[in-house]
Amino acid sequence: MNLKPTMGDVVGMAIVAVLLLVVVLAALHFQQGRDPAAQRAFKEQRLASVDRMQLALTSASEAEKSAVLSITDEESRKFANESTAATAEVERARQELSGLLAPTSYESEKDLLAQFTAAFAAKPAPPGDTHHRYGPPFRPWSLVPILQSPFSFISARSSCPGRACGRSAC
């Protein structure tokens, strides 16, 4: 029984050690830009933007409905102004999310944001337009399902905020 390693065994162990070192160094090299804490913080920023968009859309929806159902013109204007402010918040959050996604390679999220942007840009009249010169009145609640479903893979929350869209399940 020969327990002494031969020169071939030593060379084989050295080759395996060098290959293992190369694999470890390659793994460390390619992981440098992927700090788990930074990735989590970036995801939280994206989630916060989407949550603000959902909340603002729900607020705009409720204010729009309240403006239509108001008895006095003064109340109606107040709710229309609230709806306009909430709609502006949706746009600010959308721009922030767009800025966050621009330098990344998250193509599916960018495509979904582009779909939302197209739907949001296609909104007809501003909420305060009582004469509907620009077409039918803006109905922000119709955008809630659009915002909810594309970004559901980002957020763990799957229910429609406040059921503003009027559907039983989104």
Protein backbone atom coordinates (compact mmCIF):
# COMPACT_ATOMS: atom_id res chain seq x y z
CA MET A 1 0.00 0.00 0.00
CA ASN A 2 1.60 3.19 -1.24
CA LEU A 3 0.34 6.28 0.63
CA LYS A 4 2.95 8.65 -0.74
CA PRO A 5 1.64 10.90 -3.53
CA THR A 6 3.47 10.64 -6.81
CA MET A 7 4.57 13.56 -8.91
CA GLY A 8 1.51 13.05 -11.16
CA ASP A 9 -0.79 13.27 -8.14
CA VAL A 10 0.84 16.53 -7.01
CA VAL A 11 0.52 18.03 -10.52
CA GLY A 12 -3.15 16.95 -10.67
CA MET A 13 -3.89 18.53 -7.28
CA ALA A 14 -2.14 21.74 -8.37
CA ILE A 15 -4.22 21.90 -11.57
CA VAL A 16 -7.45 21.38 -9.61
CA ALA A 17 -6.40 24.06 -7.10
CA VAL A 18 -5.62 26.55 -9.90
CA LEU A 19 -8.96 25.82 -11.62
CA LEU A 20 -10.82 26.27 -8.34
CA LEU A 21 -9.01 29.57 -7.75
CA VAL A 22 -9.94 30.77 -11.27
CA VAL A 23 -13.61 29.88 -10.69
CA VAL A 24 -13.70 31.69 -7.33
CA LEU A 25 -11.99 34.79 -8.77
CA ALA A 26 -14.38 34.82 -11.75
CA ALA A 27 -17.39 34.59 -9.42
CA LEU A 28 -16.08 37.44 -7.29
CA HIS A 29 -15.33 39.54 -10.36
CA PHE A 30 -18.82 39.21 -11.83
CA GLN A 31 -20.60 39.73 -8.51
CA GLN A 32 -18.91 43.06 -7.68
CA GLY A 33 -21.73 45.17 -9.18
CA ARG A 34 -24.45 43.13 -7.49
CA ASP A 35 -24.51 44.11 -3.86
CA PRO A 36 -27.61 42.43 -2.37
CA ALA A 37 -28.36 45.40 -0.13
CA ALA A 38 -28.18 47.80 -3.07
CA GLN A 39 -30.40 45.54 -5.16
CA ARG A 40 -32.97 45.40 -2.38
CA ALA A 41 -32.87 49.18 -1.93
CA PHE A 42 -33.32 49.67 -5.68
CA LYS A 43 -36.31 47.31 -5.69
CA GLU A 44 -37.80 49.21 -2.76
CA GLN A 45 -37.44 52.49 -4.69
CA ARG A 46 -39.27 50.98 -7.66
CA LEU A 47 -41.98 49.58 -5.38
CA ALA A 48 -42.41 52.94 -3.67
CA SER A 49 -42.89 54.66 -7.03
CA VAL A 50 -45.46 52.10 -8.15
CA ASP A 51 -47.27 52.33 -4.81
CA ARG A 52 -47.42 56.13 -5.10
CA MET A 53 -48.80 55.78 -8.63
CA GLN A 54 -51.49 53.36 -7.42
CA LEU A 55 -52.43 55.55 -4.48
CA ALA A 56 -52.56 58.70 -6.61
CA LEU A 57 -54.69 56.95 -9.26
CA THR A 58 -57.10 55.78 -6.59
CA SER A 59 -57.23 59.28 -5.11
CA ALA A 60 -57.80 60.83 -8.54
CA SER A 61 -60.54 58.31 -9.20
CA GLU A 62 -62.35 59.02 -5.96
CA ALA A 63 -62.01 62.78 -6.39
CA GLU A 64 -63.30 62.55 -9.96
CA LYS A 65 -66.32 60.53 -8.88
CA SER A 66 -66.95 62.97 -6.02
CA ALA A 67 -66.72 65.90 -8.44
CA VAL A 68 -69.37 64.34 -10.66
CA LEU A 69 -71.64 63.52 -7.72
CA SER A 70 -71.23 66.87 -5.93
CA ILE A 71 -74.33 68.94 -5.41
CA THR A 72 -72.73 72.39 -5.55
CA ASP A 73 -70.39 73.81 -8.14
CA GLU A 74 -67.96 74.82 -5.41
CA GLU A 75 -67.70 71.25 -4.12
CA SER A 76 -67.35 69.97 -7.66
CA ARG A 77 -64.45 72.36 -8.37
CA LYS A 78 -62.78 71.38 -5.09
CA PHE A 79 -62.89 67.68 -5.98
CA ALA A 80 -61.83 68.39 -9.57
CA ASN A 81 -58.79 70.24 -8.23
CA GLU A 82 -58.00 67.30 -5.94
CA SER A 83 -58.25 64.97 -8.92
CA THR A 84 -55.91 67.19 -10.94
CA ALA A 85 -53.38 67.23 -8.09
CA ALA A 86 -53.54 63.45 -7.73
CA THR A 87 -53.14 63.02 -11.49
CA ALA A 88 -50.05 65.25 -11.36
CA GLU A 89 -48.67 63.01 -8.59
CA VAL A 90 -49.18 59.98 -10.83
CA GLU A 91 -47.14 61.73 -13.52
CA ARG A 92 -44.36 62.63 -11.06
CA ALA A 93 -44.15 59.04 -9.80
CA ARG A 94 -44.22 57.74 -13.38
CA GLN A 95 -41.33 60.00 -14.33
CA GLU A 96 -39.40 58.92 -11.23
CA LEU A 97 -39.94 55.25 -12.09
CA SER A 98 -38.91 55.92 -15.66
CA GLY A 99 -35.72 57.56 -14.42
CA LEU A 100 -35.00 54.61 -12.14
CA LEU A 101 -35.50 52.09 -14.95
CA ALA A 102 -33.66 54.01 -17.69
CA PRO A 103 -30.08 52.93 -16.85
CA THR A 104 -31.06 49.32 -16.10
CA SER A 105 -31.53 46.23 -18.21
CA TYR A 106 -35.04 45.48 -16.90
CA GLU A 107 -36.60 45.44 -20.36
CA SER A 108 -39.87 43.80 -19.29
CA GLU A 109 -40.46 46.49 -16.65
CA LYS A 110 -39.57 49.21 -19.15
CA ASP A 111 -42.07 47.76 -21.65
CA LEU A 112 -44.81 47.61 -19.02
CA LEU A 113 -44.12 51.18 -17.96
CA ALA A 114 -44.32 52.22 -21.62
CA GLN A 115 -47.73 50.54 -21.88
CA PHE A 116 -48.93 52.39 -18.79
CA THR A 117 -47.49 55.65 -20.12
CA ALA A 118 -49.35 55.20 -23.42
CA ALA A 119 -52.62 54.48 -21.61
CA PHE A 120 -52.09 57.38 -19.23
CA ALA A 121 -51.19 59.77 -22.05
CA ALA A 122 -54.34 58.77 -23.92
CA LYS A 123 -56.55 60.14 -21.17
CA PRO A 124 -59.18 62.38 -22.69
CA ALA A 125 -60.21 65.59 -20.94
CA PRO A 126 -58.74 67.12 -17.82
CA PRO A 127 -60.91 66.58 -14.72
CA GLY A 128 -61.94 70.25 -14.41
CA ASP A 129 -63.22 70.45 -17.99
CA THR A 130 -66.99 70.57 -17.56
CA HIS A 131 -67.67 71.21 -21.24
CA HIS A 132 -65.69 68.18 -22.42
CA ARG A 133 -64.04 70.10 -25.25
CA TYR A 134 -61.40 67.40 -25.47
CA GLY A 135 -63.66 64.39 -25.58
CA PRO A 136 -65.18 62.34 -22.79
CA PRO A 137 -64.14 63.18 -19.23
CA PHE A 138 -60.98 61.68 -17.80
CA ARG A 139 -61.68 58.56 -15.78
CA PRO A 140 -58.54 57.72 -13.78
CA TRP A 141 -60.17 54.66 -12.23
CA SER A 142 -59.99 52.99 -15.64
CA LEU A 143 -56.18 53.05 -15.37
CA VAL A 144 -55.97 51.29 -11.99
CA PRO A 145 -56.15 47.76 -13.47
CA ILE A 146 -53.54 48.74 -16.07
CA LEU A 147 -51.17 49.90 -13.35
CA GLN A 148 -51.92 46.98 -11.05
CA SER A 149 -51.45 44.06 -13.41
CA PRO A 150 -48.21 45.01 -15.20
CA PHE A 151 -46.38 45.80 -12.00
CA SER A 152 -47.78 42.93 -9.96
CA PHE A 153 -44.51 41.07 -10.46
CA ILE A 154 -42.72 43.92 -8.67
CA SER A 155 -45.11 44.15 -5.77
CA ALA A 156 -46.18 41.30 -3.57
CA ARG A 157 -49.55 43.00 -3.16
CA SER A 158 -52.07 41.68 -5.64
CA SER A 159 -55.30 43.36 -4.64
CA CYS A 160 -56.62 46.46 -6.32
CA PRO A 161 -56.20 49.49 -4.05
CA GLY A 162 -59.62 50.34 -2.69
CA ARG A 163 -61.32 48.44 -5.51
CA ALA A 164 -61.36 51.74 -7.36
CA CYS A 165 -61.69 50.06 -10.72
CA GLY A 166 -65.13 48.70 -9.86
CA ARG A 167 -64.25 45.10 -10.57
CA SER A 168 -64.65 42.35 -8.03
CA ALA A 169 -61.12 41.06 -8.71
CA CYS A 170 -58.14 42.65 -10.45
